[in-house]
Amino acid sequence: MLSQSIIAFLPLLAAVSAASQGGAPPSTPPPSTTTATAAPTITPIGVEYYLQAQPLDQHPAKVVDNYVSPYHSGAGENNVTLGAQSEAFKAFLDPDGGYQEFDLGLSYPNEFVMGGDIAIQGASLVAIDAGIGDAGFSIPSKEVGLTWNNTAFGGWLACNITKQTTGLQLLWLNKTEESKEKAPKGCESVRLAPVYL
């Protein structure tokens, strides 16, 4: 009888002893930390396309076959360059507000942000940034291309600003500046035509 009481008492003694040494061993094993799941991507809304810069003036050589692509400039921030189609990312319009979005394979939206920063006289920066960008974009037709419903918007520009990127950079003509609505020196007026997939 005494030996049965001692045997029954041993598990209780072990638990008390473990607790006094800093804690009892866990009763269930910890969850596995080796299982990883891939983050979801933003699902494109509507038809996808690439945005191709097409010249509007008589000197098209600098912008032929150039497509919109992001150029990483900071955490969640990208300047917009014009380069080969192999460097371009798929784009789509979010009809709820007219946001120009890009499928960068991430779990959050990346959209056009029409910066108020003046890159050169009469031209403002365009960025593709994480989160919600500027609203009001539309594509009235393939011939017109992407446009922005803003009174200051005077069209798209392909500019050679080597301090910002490694090649041509996308800017927009800001009609509120003293530009007389002409492309600044070093820039060409372009349309952003959708090349549908």
N, C-alpha and C. Protein backbone atom coordinates (compact mmCIF):
# COMPACT_ATOMS: atom_id res chain seq x y z
N MET A 1 0.82 -1.19 0.00
CA MET A 1 0.00 0.00 0.00
C MET A 1 0.86 1.25 0.00
N LEU A 2 1.91 1.25 0.82
CA LEU A 2 2.82 2.39 0.88
C LEU A 2 3.56 2.56 -0.43
N SER A 3 3.97 1.45 -1.04
CA SER A 3 4.69 1.55 -2.30
C SER A 3 3.81 2.09 -3.42
N GLN A 4 2.51 1.75 -3.39
CA GLN A 4 1.58 2.30 -4.39
C GLN A 4 1.42 3.80 -4.19
N SER A 5 1.39 4.27 -2.96
CA SER A 5 1.27 5.71 -2.68
C SER A 5 2.50 6.45 -3.16
N ILE A 6 3.69 5.84 -2.98
CA ILE A 6 4.93 6.48 -3.43
C ILE A 6 4.95 6.56 -4.95
N ILE A 7 4.54 5.47 -5.60
CA ILE A 7 4.51 5.46 -7.07
C ILE A 7 3.54 6.51 -7.59
N ALA A 8 2.38 6.65 -6.99
CA ALA A 8 1.40 7.65 -7.41
C ALA A 8 1.89 9.06 -7.16
N PHE A 9 2.74 9.22 -6.13
CA PHE A 9 3.24 10.54 -5.74
C PHE A 9 4.40 11.00 -6.62
N LEU A 10 5.12 10.10 -7.28
CA LEU A 10 6.30 10.44 -8.07
C LEU A 10 6.02 11.45 -9.19
N PRO A 11 4.97 11.29 -10.01
CA PRO A 11 4.72 12.31 -11.06
C PRO A 11 4.49 13.70 -10.49
N LEU A 12 3.78 13.79 -9.36
CA LEU A 12 3.54 15.08 -8.72
C LEU A 12 4.84 15.68 -8.24
N LEU A 13 5.72 14.86 -7.69
CA LEU A 13 7.03 15.31 -7.21
C LEU A 13 7.88 15.82 -8.37
N ALA A 14 7.83 15.13 -9.52
CA ALA A 14 8.60 15.55 -10.70
C ALA A 14 8.12 16.90 -11.21
N ALA A 15 6.81 17.11 -11.22
CA ALA A 15 6.24 18.38 -11.70
C ALA A 15 6.63 19.52 -10.79
N VAL A 16 6.57 19.29 -9.44
CA VAL A 16 6.95 20.33 -8.47
C VAL A 16 8.42 20.64 -8.61
N SER A 17 9.23 19.61 -8.81
CA SER A 17 10.67 19.81 -8.95
C SER A 17 10.99 20.62 -10.21
N ALA A 18 10.33 20.31 -11.31
CA ALA A 18 10.56 21.04 -12.56
C ALA A 18 10.11 22.49 -12.43
N ALA A 19 8.99 22.73 -11.77
CA ALA A 19 8.49 24.09 -11.59
C ALA A 19 9.44 24.91 -10.76
N SER A 20 10.05 24.29 -9.76
CA SER A 20 10.97 25.04 -8.91
C SER A 20 12.28 25.35 -9.64
N GLN A 21 12.56 24.65 -10.74
CA GLN A 21 13.79 24.90 -11.51
C GLN A 21 13.53 25.82 -12.70
N GLY A 22 12.41 26.46 -12.76
CA GLY A 22 12.17 27.45 -13.82
C GLY A 22 11.04 27.11 -14.75
N GLY A 23 10.29 26.06 -14.50
CA GLY A 23 9.14 25.79 -15.35
C GLY A 23 9.07 24.34 -15.76
N ALA A 24 7.87 23.87 -15.91
CA ALA A 24 7.65 22.50 -16.33
C ALA A 24 7.81 22.38 -17.82
N PRO A 25 8.20 21.20 -18.30
CA PRO A 25 8.27 21.01 -19.74
C PRO A 25 6.88 21.14 -20.34
N PRO A 26 6.77 21.67 -21.55
CA PRO A 26 5.44 21.86 -22.14
C PRO A 26 4.73 20.53 -22.34
N SER A 27 3.41 20.55 -22.12
CA SER A 27 2.64 19.33 -22.25
C SER A 27 2.39 18.99 -23.72
N THR A 28 2.45 20.01 -24.62
CA THR A 28 2.29 19.75 -26.05
C THR A 28 3.51 20.31 -26.78
N PRO A 29 3.92 19.68 -27.86
CA PRO A 29 5.09 20.17 -28.57
C PRO A 29 4.81 21.54 -29.20
N PRO A 30 5.85 22.37 -29.34
CA PRO A 30 5.64 23.68 -29.96
C PRO A 30 5.28 23.52 -31.43
N PRO A 31 4.58 24.50 -32.00
CA PRO A 31 4.24 24.40 -33.42
C PRO A 31 5.50 24.43 -34.27
N SER A 32 5.44 23.76 -35.40
CA SER A 32 6.60 23.70 -36.30
C SER A 32 6.89 25.08 -36.87
N THR A 33 8.16 25.43 -36.92
CA THR A 33 8.56 26.71 -37.49
C THR A 33 9.17 26.53 -38.87
N THR A 34 9.12 25.32 -39.40
CA THR A 34 9.74 25.06 -40.70
C THR A 34 8.74 25.19 -41.85
N THR A 35 7.46 25.24 -41.56
CA THR A 35 6.46 25.35 -42.61
C THR A 35 6.30 26.82 -43.01
N ALA A 36 6.45 27.10 -44.30
CA ALA A 36 6.30 28.47 -44.81
C ALA A 36 5.20 28.49 -45.87
N THR A 37 4.45 29.57 -45.88
CA THR A 37 3.42 29.73 -46.91
C THR A 37 3.74 30.97 -47.73
N ALA A 38 3.46 30.91 -49.01
CA ALA A 38 3.72 32.04 -49.91
C ALA A 38 2.67 33.11 -49.69
N ALA A 39 3.12 34.36 -49.73
CA ALA A 39 2.20 35.48 -49.58
C ALA A 39 1.34 35.60 -50.84
N PRO A 40 0.06 35.92 -50.69
CA PRO A 40 -0.78 36.07 -51.88
C PRO A 40 -0.40 37.32 -52.66
N THR A 41 -0.75 37.35 -53.92
CA THR A 41 -0.51 38.53 -54.74
C THR A 41 -1.83 39.25 -54.96
N ILE A 42 -1.74 40.51 -55.35
CA ILE A 42 -2.94 41.27 -55.67
C ILE A 42 -3.51 40.73 -56.97
N THR A 43 -4.78 40.40 -56.97
CA THR A 43 -5.42 39.86 -58.17
C THR A 43 -5.76 41.01 -59.11
N PRO A 44 -5.25 40.96 -60.35
CA PRO A 44 -5.56 42.02 -61.32
C PRO A 44 -7.06 42.11 -61.59
N ILE A 45 -7.52 43.32 -61.75
CA ILE A 45 -8.93 43.58 -62.05
C ILE A 45 -9.02 43.91 -63.53
N GLY A 46 -9.82 43.18 -64.26
CA GLY A 46 -10.00 43.48 -65.68
C GLY A 46 -8.83 43.01 -66.53
N VAL A 47 -8.69 43.65 -67.68
CA VAL A 47 -7.70 43.26 -68.67
C VAL A 47 -6.32 43.79 -68.29
N GLU A 48 -5.29 42.95 -68.46
CA GLU A 48 -3.92 43.38 -68.19
C GLU A 48 -3.26 43.85 -69.48
N TYR A 49 -2.26 44.70 -69.31
CA TYR A 49 -1.54 45.26 -70.45
C TYR A 49 -0.19 45.77 -69.99
N TYR A 50 0.68 46.02 -70.94
CA TYR A 50 1.90 46.79 -70.70
C TYR A 50 1.62 48.21 -71.18
N LEU A 51 2.28 49.18 -70.57
CA LEU A 51 2.16 50.57 -71.03
C LEU A 51 3.40 50.91 -71.86
N GLN A 52 3.17 51.21 -73.13
CA GLN A 52 4.27 51.52 -74.04
C GLN A 52 4.28 53.02 -74.31
N ALA A 53 5.45 53.63 -74.18
CA ALA A 53 5.62 55.05 -74.51
C ALA A 53 5.78 55.18 -76.01
N GLN A 54 4.87 55.91 -76.63
CA GLN A 54 4.91 56.14 -78.08
C GLN A 54 5.09 57.62 -78.34
N PRO A 55 6.02 58.00 -79.22
CA PRO A 55 6.32 59.42 -79.44
C PRO A 55 5.17 60.16 -80.11
N LEU A 56 5.04 61.45 -79.78
CA LEU A 56 4.03 62.30 -80.40
C LEU A 56 4.64 63.33 -81.34
N ASP A 57 5.96 63.48 -81.32
CA ASP A 57 6.59 64.51 -82.16
C ASP A 57 7.35 63.88 -83.33
N GLN A 58 8.19 64.67 -83.96
CA GLN A 58 8.89 64.24 -85.17
C GLN A 58 10.21 63.53 -84.89
N HIS A 59 10.58 63.36 -83.64
CA HIS A 59 11.87 62.75 -83.29
C HIS A 59 11.65 61.55 -82.39
N PRO A 60 11.16 60.45 -82.97
CA PRO A 60 10.76 59.31 -82.14
C PRO A 60 11.88 58.37 -81.71
N ALA A 61 13.09 58.54 -82.23
CA ALA A 61 14.13 57.52 -82.04
C ALA A 61 14.42 57.22 -80.58
N LYS A 62 14.34 58.21 -79.69
CA LYS A 62 14.74 58.01 -78.30
C LYS A 62 13.75 57.15 -77.51
N VAL A 63 12.50 57.11 -77.92
CA VAL A 63 11.50 56.43 -77.11
C VAL A 63 10.84 55.25 -77.80
N VAL A 64 11.33 54.83 -78.94
CA VAL A 64 10.74 53.68 -79.64
C VAL A 64 10.95 52.42 -78.80
N ASP A 65 9.89 51.63 -78.68
CA ASP A 65 9.93 50.36 -77.96
C ASP A 65 10.33 50.50 -76.49
N ASN A 66 9.87 51.54 -75.85
CA ASN A 66 10.12 51.72 -74.42
C ASN A 66 8.83 51.53 -73.64
N TYR A 67 8.93 50.77 -72.56
CA TYR A 67 7.77 50.42 -71.74
C TYR A 67 7.97 50.90 -70.31
N VAL A 68 6.84 51.15 -69.64
CA VAL A 68 6.87 51.60 -68.25
C VAL A 68 7.36 50.47 -67.35
N SER A 69 8.36 50.78 -66.53
CA SER A 69 8.84 49.82 -65.54
C SER A 69 9.31 50.58 -64.30
N PRO A 70 9.22 49.95 -63.13
CA PRO A 70 9.67 50.61 -61.90
C PRO A 70 11.18 50.54 -61.74
N TYR A 71 11.74 51.58 -61.14
CA TYR A 71 13.16 51.64 -60.81
C TYR A 71 13.24 51.91 -59.32
N HIS A 72 13.65 50.91 -58.54
CA HIS A 72 13.62 51.00 -57.07
C HIS A 72 14.41 52.20 -56.57
N SER A 73 13.74 53.04 -55.77
CA SER A 73 14.39 54.25 -55.24
C SER A 73 14.32 54.34 -53.72
N GLY A 74 13.62 53.42 -53.07
CA GLY A 74 13.49 53.44 -51.61
C GLY A 74 12.48 52.40 -51.17
N ALA A 75 12.23 52.32 -49.87
CA ALA A 75 11.30 51.33 -49.33
C ALA A 75 9.89 51.58 -49.87
N GLY A 76 9.40 50.67 -50.69
CA GLY A 76 8.07 50.80 -51.27
C GLY A 76 7.94 51.90 -52.29
N GLU A 77 9.08 52.43 -52.77
CA GLU A 77 9.05 53.55 -53.72
C GLU A 77 9.84 53.20 -54.97
N ASN A 78 9.30 53.61 -56.12
CA ASN A 78 9.95 53.37 -57.40
C ASN A 78 9.77 54.57 -58.31
N ASN A 79 10.86 55.06 -58.88
CA ASN A 79 10.74 56.00 -60.00
C ASN A 79 10.24 55.19 -61.19
N VAL A 80 9.77 55.87 -62.21
CA VAL A 80 9.27 55.17 -63.39
C VAL A 80 10.22 55.40 -64.54
N THR A 81 10.76 54.30 -65.06
CA THR A 81 11.67 54.39 -66.20
C THR A 81 10.96 53.86 -67.43
N LEU A 82 11.57 54.13 -68.57
CA LEU A 82 11.07 53.63 -69.85
C LEU A 82 12.17 52.75 -70.42
N GLY A 83 11.89 51.47 -70.55
CA GLY A 83 12.91 50.54 -71.01
C GLY A 83 12.33 49.42 -71.83
N ALA A 84 13.08 48.36 -71.97
CA ALA A 84 12.69 47.21 -72.79
C ALA A 84 11.45 46.53 -72.21
N GLN A 85 10.70 45.87 -73.08
CA GLN A 85 9.49 45.19 -72.63
C GLN A 85 9.82 44.10 -71.62
N SER A 86 11.01 43.51 -71.72
CA SER A 86 11.40 42.46 -70.77
C SER A 86 11.52 42.99 -69.34
N GLU A 87 11.66 44.31 -69.17
CA GLU A 87 11.76 44.92 -67.85
C GLU A 87 10.42 45.45 -67.34
N ALA A 88 9.40 45.42 -68.21
CA ALA A 88 8.10 46.00 -67.86
C ALA A 88 7.30 45.07 -66.96
N PHE A 89 6.39 45.65 -66.20
CA PHE A 89 5.46 44.89 -65.37
C PHE A 89 4.06 45.06 -65.91
N LYS A 90 3.25 44.02 -65.73
CA LYS A 90 1.86 44.09 -66.18
C LYS A 90 1.11 45.15 -65.40
N ALA A 91 0.20 45.82 -66.10
CA ALA A 91 -0.58 46.89 -65.50
C ALA A 91 -2.07 46.59 -65.68
N PHE A 92 -2.88 47.23 -64.87
CA PHE A 92 -4.34 47.14 -65.02
C PHE A 92 -4.97 48.33 -64.32
N LEU A 93 -6.16 48.71 -64.78
CA LEU A 93 -6.90 49.81 -64.17
C LEU A 93 -7.86 49.27 -63.14
N ASP A 94 -7.86 49.85 -61.96
CA ASP A 94 -8.85 49.54 -60.95
C ASP A 94 -10.04 50.47 -61.22
N PRO A 95 -11.16 49.91 -61.64
CA PRO A 95 -12.29 50.77 -62.01
C PRO A 95 -12.89 51.55 -60.85
N ASP A 96 -12.63 51.13 -59.63
CA ASP A 96 -13.15 51.82 -58.46
C ASP A 96 -12.23 52.99 -58.13
N GLY A 97 -12.43 54.12 -58.80
CA GLY A 97 -11.62 55.31 -58.59
C GLY A 97 -10.62 55.57 -59.70
N GLY A 98 -10.42 54.59 -60.59
CA GLY A 98 -9.49 54.79 -61.70
C GLY A 98 -8.04 54.81 -61.28
N TYR A 99 -7.64 53.86 -60.46
CA TYR A 99 -6.24 53.76 -60.04
C TYR A 99 -5.45 52.96 -61.06
N GLN A 100 -4.29 53.46 -61.47
CA GLN A 100 -3.41 52.72 -62.38
C GLN A 100 -2.51 51.84 -61.52
N GLU A 101 -2.78 50.52 -61.57
CA GLU A 101 -2.05 49.58 -60.72
C GLU A 101 -1.08 48.75 -61.54
N PHE A 102 -0.11 48.17 -60.84
CA PHE A 102 0.89 47.32 -61.46
C PHE A 102 1.01 46.03 -60.68
N ASP A 103 1.14 44.93 -61.41
CA ASP A 103 1.28 43.63 -60.79
C ASP A 103 2.76 43.34 -60.58
N LEU A 104 3.27 43.70 -59.40
CA LEU A 104 4.67 43.47 -59.06
C LEU A 104 4.87 42.15 -58.32
N GLY A 105 3.80 41.34 -58.25
CA GLY A 105 3.90 40.05 -57.58
C GLY A 105 3.93 40.16 -56.07
N LEU A 106 3.38 41.24 -55.53
CA LEU A 106 3.40 41.48 -54.08
C LEU A 106 1.99 41.37 -53.51
N SER A 107 1.89 41.34 -52.19
CA SER A 107 0.59 41.15 -51.54
C SER A 107 -0.10 42.47 -51.23
N TYR A 108 0.37 43.57 -51.79
CA TYR A 108 -0.25 44.88 -51.58
C TYR A 108 -0.21 45.64 -52.90
N PRO A 109 -1.09 46.62 -53.05
CA PRO A 109 -1.15 47.34 -54.33
C PRO A 109 0.06 48.23 -54.56
N ASN A 110 0.41 48.39 -55.83
CA ASN A 110 1.46 49.32 -56.27
C ASN A 110 0.86 50.15 -57.38
N GLU A 111 0.78 51.46 -57.18
CA GLU A 111 0.01 52.32 -58.08
C GLU A 111 0.80 53.56 -58.48
N PHE A 112 0.34 54.17 -59.59
CA PHE A 112 0.92 55.44 -60.02
C PHE A 112 0.67 56.51 -58.96
N VAL A 113 1.73 57.24 -58.62
CA VAL A 113 1.64 58.41 -57.76
C VAL A 113 2.20 59.57 -58.57
N MET A 114 1.36 60.56 -58.77
CA MET A 114 1.74 61.71 -59.59
C MET A 114 2.32 62.77 -58.67
N GLY A 115 3.60 62.68 -58.45
CA GLY A 115 4.27 63.54 -57.48
C GLY A 115 4.14 65.01 -57.80
N GLY A 116 4.03 65.79 -56.77
CA GLY A 116 4.03 67.24 -56.93
C GLY A 116 5.44 67.79 -57.07
N ASP A 117 6.43 66.91 -56.81
CA ASP A 117 7.82 67.34 -56.91
C ASP A 117 8.16 67.68 -58.36
N ILE A 118 8.77 68.82 -58.54
CA ILE A 118 9.17 69.25 -59.88
C ILE A 118 10.56 68.68 -60.15
N ALA A 119 10.66 67.83 -61.19
CA ALA A 119 11.95 67.25 -61.54
C ALA A 119 12.75 68.24 -62.38
N ILE A 120 12.09 68.86 -63.34
CA ILE A 120 12.68 69.93 -64.15
C ILE A 120 11.57 70.94 -64.42
N GLN A 121 11.94 72.11 -64.86
CA GLN A 121 10.95 73.17 -65.06
C GLN A 121 9.79 72.70 -65.93
N GLY A 122 8.60 72.70 -65.36
CA GLY A 122 7.39 72.34 -66.10
C GLY A 122 7.05 70.86 -66.08
N ALA A 123 7.86 70.04 -65.45
CA ALA A 123 7.61 68.60 -65.44
C ALA A 123 7.70 68.05 -64.02
N SER A 124 6.74 67.20 -63.68
CA SER A 124 6.67 66.61 -62.34
C SER A 124 6.92 65.12 -62.39
N LEU A 125 7.39 64.59 -61.27
CA LEU A 125 7.75 63.17 -61.19
C LEU A 125 6.53 62.26 -61.20
N VAL A 126 6.73 61.05 -61.72
CA VAL A 126 5.76 59.96 -61.64
C VAL A 126 6.45 58.83 -60.88
N ALA A 127 5.71 58.19 -59.99
CA ALA A 127 6.27 57.07 -59.22
C ALA A 127 5.29 55.90 -59.24
N ILE A 128 5.81 54.72 -58.98
CA ILE A 128 4.99 53.54 -58.69
C ILE A 128 5.31 53.18 -57.25
N ASP A 129 4.36 53.46 -56.36
CA ASP A 129 4.62 53.28 -54.93
C ASP A 129 3.66 52.27 -54.33
N ALA A 130 4.09 51.66 -53.23
CA ALA A 130 3.25 50.73 -52.49
C ALA A 130 2.11 51.49 -51.84
N GLY A 131 0.93 50.88 -51.84
CA GLY A 131 -0.23 51.50 -51.22
C GLY A 131 -1.12 52.18 -52.25
N ILE A 132 -1.98 53.04 -51.76
CA ILE A 132 -2.95 53.70 -52.62
C ILE A 132 -2.31 54.91 -53.28
N GLY A 133 -2.43 54.97 -54.61
CA GLY A 133 -1.88 56.08 -55.38
C GLY A 133 -2.93 57.12 -55.71
N ASP A 134 -2.72 57.82 -56.81
CA ASP A 134 -3.66 58.85 -57.25
C ASP A 134 -4.77 58.23 -58.09
N ALA A 135 -5.97 58.76 -57.94
CA ALA A 135 -7.13 58.28 -58.68
C ALA A 135 -7.32 59.13 -59.94
N GLY A 136 -8.26 58.69 -60.78
CA GLY A 136 -8.67 59.49 -61.93
C GLY A 136 -8.05 59.09 -63.25
N PHE A 137 -7.48 57.89 -63.36
CA PHE A 137 -6.90 57.45 -64.63
C PHE A 137 -7.94 56.75 -65.48
N SER A 138 -7.75 56.85 -66.79
CA SER A 138 -8.63 56.15 -67.72
C SER A 138 -7.88 55.94 -69.03
N ILE A 139 -8.44 55.03 -69.83
CA ILE A 139 -7.93 54.80 -71.19
C ILE A 139 -9.11 54.96 -72.13
N PRO A 140 -9.34 56.20 -72.62
CA PRO A 140 -10.49 56.43 -73.50
C PRO A 140 -10.45 55.58 -74.77
N SER A 141 -9.25 55.37 -75.31
CA SER A 141 -9.05 54.52 -76.48
C SER A 141 -7.57 54.15 -76.55
N LYS A 142 -7.25 53.17 -77.37
CA LYS A 142 -5.86 52.78 -77.53
C LYS A 142 -5.06 53.91 -78.17
N GLU A 143 -5.70 54.69 -79.04
CA GLU A 143 -5.04 55.80 -79.71
C GLU A 143 -4.71 56.94 -78.75
N VAL A 144 -5.59 57.19 -77.80
CA VAL A 144 -5.36 58.24 -76.80
C VAL A 144 -4.40 57.72 -75.72
N GLY A 145 -4.58 56.47 -75.32
CA GLY A 145 -3.76 55.89 -74.27
C GLY A 145 -4.21 56.32 -72.88
N LEU A 146 -3.34 56.09 -71.92
CA LEU A 146 -3.65 56.39 -70.53
C LEU A 146 -3.64 57.90 -70.32
N THR A 147 -4.67 58.40 -69.66
CA THR A 147 -4.74 59.83 -69.33
C THR A 147 -5.12 59.98 -67.87
N TRP A 148 -4.90 61.18 -67.34
CA TRP A 148 -5.19 61.46 -65.93
C TRP A 148 -6.13 62.64 -65.86
N ASN A 149 -7.23 62.48 -65.17
CA ASN A 149 -8.25 63.51 -65.05
C ASN A 149 -7.85 64.50 -63.95
N ASN A 150 -6.98 65.43 -64.32
CA ASN A 150 -6.51 66.46 -63.39
C ASN A 150 -6.25 67.72 -64.21
N THR A 151 -6.70 68.86 -63.72
CA THR A 151 -6.58 70.10 -64.49
C THR A 151 -5.13 70.49 -64.77
N ALA A 152 -4.20 70.02 -63.95
CA ALA A 152 -2.79 70.36 -64.17
C ALA A 152 -2.11 69.46 -65.19
N PHE A 153 -2.76 68.33 -65.54
CA PHE A 153 -2.13 67.33 -66.40
C PHE A 153 -2.11 67.79 -67.86
N GLY A 154 -0.89 67.86 -68.41
CA GLY A 154 -0.73 68.27 -69.80
C GLY A 154 -0.14 67.20 -70.69
N GLY A 155 -0.08 65.96 -70.20
CA GLY A 155 0.43 64.85 -70.99
C GLY A 155 1.67 64.23 -70.37
N TRP A 156 2.12 63.15 -71.00
CA TRP A 156 3.27 62.38 -70.52
C TRP A 156 4.55 62.83 -71.21
N LEU A 157 5.67 62.69 -70.50
CA LEU A 157 6.97 63.08 -71.03
C LEU A 157 7.99 61.96 -70.79
N ALA A 158 8.81 61.71 -71.80
CA ALA A 158 9.98 60.84 -71.65
C ALA A 158 11.19 61.75 -71.55
N CYS A 159 11.85 61.73 -70.39
CA CYS A 159 12.93 62.69 -70.12
C CYS A 159 14.23 61.97 -69.78
N ASN A 160 15.31 62.56 -70.21
CA ASN A 160 16.63 62.03 -69.90
C ASN A 160 17.17 62.75 -68.67
N ILE A 161 16.92 62.15 -67.49
CA ILE A 161 17.38 62.73 -66.22
C ILE A 161 18.27 61.68 -65.57
N THR A 162 19.53 61.69 -65.87
CA THR A 162 20.41 60.61 -65.43
C THR A 162 20.58 60.56 -63.92
N LYS A 163 20.35 61.66 -63.21
CA LYS A 163 20.51 61.63 -61.75
C LYS A 163 19.38 60.87 -61.07
N GLN A 164 18.26 60.68 -61.77
CA GLN A 164 17.11 60.00 -61.17
C GLN A 164 17.10 58.50 -61.43
N THR A 165 17.49 58.08 -62.64
CA THR A 165 17.45 56.67 -63.03
C THR A 165 18.63 56.40 -63.94
N THR A 166 18.62 55.21 -64.54
CA THR A 166 19.70 54.86 -65.44
C THR A 166 19.37 55.15 -66.90
N GLY A 167 18.20 55.67 -67.20
CA GLY A 167 17.83 55.94 -68.59
C GLY A 167 16.71 56.94 -68.65
N LEU A 168 15.84 56.77 -69.64
CA LEU A 168 14.69 57.67 -69.77
C LEU A 168 13.75 57.49 -68.58
N GLN A 169 13.22 58.60 -68.10
CA GLN A 169 12.29 58.58 -66.98
C GLN A 169 10.96 59.16 -67.42
N LEU A 170 9.88 58.59 -66.88
CA LEU A 170 8.54 59.10 -67.17
C LEU A 170 8.20 60.24 -66.23
N LEU A 171 7.80 61.38 -66.79
CA LEU A 171 7.31 62.53 -66.03
C LEU A 171 5.99 62.95 -66.64
N TRP A 172 5.35 63.93 -66.04
CA TRP A 172 4.15 64.49 -66.65
C TRP A 172 4.27 65.99 -66.75
N LEU A 173 3.72 66.52 -67.85
CA LEU A 173 3.76 67.95 -68.11
C LEU A 173 2.77 68.64 -67.17
N ASN A 174 3.28 69.54 -66.35
CA ASN A 174 2.46 70.23 -65.37
C ASN A 174 2.07 71.60 -65.93
N LYS A 175 0.83 71.72 -66.33
CA LYS A 175 0.36 72.96 -66.97
C LYS A 175 0.30 74.15 -66.02
N THR A 176 0.38 73.88 -64.72
CA THR A 176 0.33 74.99 -63.78
C THR A 176 1.70 75.66 -63.65
N GLU A 177 2.74 75.02 -64.17
CA GLU A 177 4.07 75.62 -64.15
C GLU A 177 4.23 76.52 -65.37
N GLU A 178 5.29 77.30 -65.38
CA GLU A 178 5.53 78.21 -66.49
C GLU A 178 6.20 77.47 -67.65
N SER A 179 5.49 76.52 -68.20
CA SER A 179 6.06 75.69 -69.26
C SER A 179 5.50 76.03 -70.63
N LYS A 180 4.45 76.86 -70.67
CA LYS A 180 3.75 77.16 -71.91
C LYS A 180 3.29 75.88 -72.61
N GLU A 181 3.04 74.86 -71.80
CA GLU A 181 2.51 73.58 -72.25
C GLU A 181 3.36 72.93 -73.33
N LYS A 182 4.67 73.13 -73.29
CA LYS A 182 5.59 72.49 -74.22
C LYS A 182 6.53 71.59 -73.42
N ALA A 183 7.02 70.55 -74.08
CA ALA A 183 7.95 69.64 -73.42
C ALA A 183 9.23 70.38 -73.08
N PRO A 184 9.70 70.28 -71.84
CA PRO A 184 10.96 70.93 -71.46
C PRO A 184 12.14 70.35 -72.24
N LYS A 185 13.24 71.05 -72.22
CA LYS A 185 14.44 70.59 -72.89
C LYS A 185 14.87 69.24 -72.32
N GLY A 186 15.22 68.32 -73.20
CA GLY A 186 15.62 66.98 -72.77
C GLY A 186 14.46 66.02 -72.63
N CYS A 187 13.24 66.46 -72.97
CA CYS A 187 12.06 65.62 -72.85
C CYS A 187 11.33 65.53 -74.19
N GLU A 188 10.63 64.45 -74.39
CA GLU A 188 9.77 64.27 -75.55
C GLU A 188 8.36 63.95 -75.08
N SER A 189 7.37 64.50 -75.76
CA SER A 189 5.98 64.19 -75.45
C SER A 189 5.67 62.80 -75.97
N VAL A 190 5.01 62.01 -75.12
CA VAL A 190 4.65 60.63 -75.50
C VAL A 190 3.22 60.34 -75.06
N ARG A 191 2.65 59.32 -75.67
CA ARG A 191 1.39 58.74 -75.16
C ARG A 191 1.76 57.43 -74.49
N LEU A 192 0.99 57.02 -73.50
CA LEU A 192 1.18 55.72 -72.88
C LEU A 192 0.08 54.80 -73.41
N ALA A 193 0.44 54.05 -74.45
CA ALA A 193 -0.54 53.18 -75.13
C ALA A 193 -0.56 51.82 -74.46
N PRO A 194 -1.74 51.27 -74.22
CA PRO A 194 -1.81 49.93 -73.66
C PRO A 194 -1.49 48.88 -74.73
N VAL A 195 -0.62 47.96 -74.37
CA VAL A 195 -0.36 46.79 -75.23
C VAL A 195 -0.98 45.61 -74.50
N TYR A 196 -2.18 45.24 -74.96
CA TYR A 196 -2.98 44.24 -74.23
C TYR A 196 -2.38 42.85 -74.35
N LEU A 197 -2.49 42.07 -73.27
CA LEU A 197 -1.93 40.71 -73.24
C LEU A 197 -2.93 39.72 -73.80
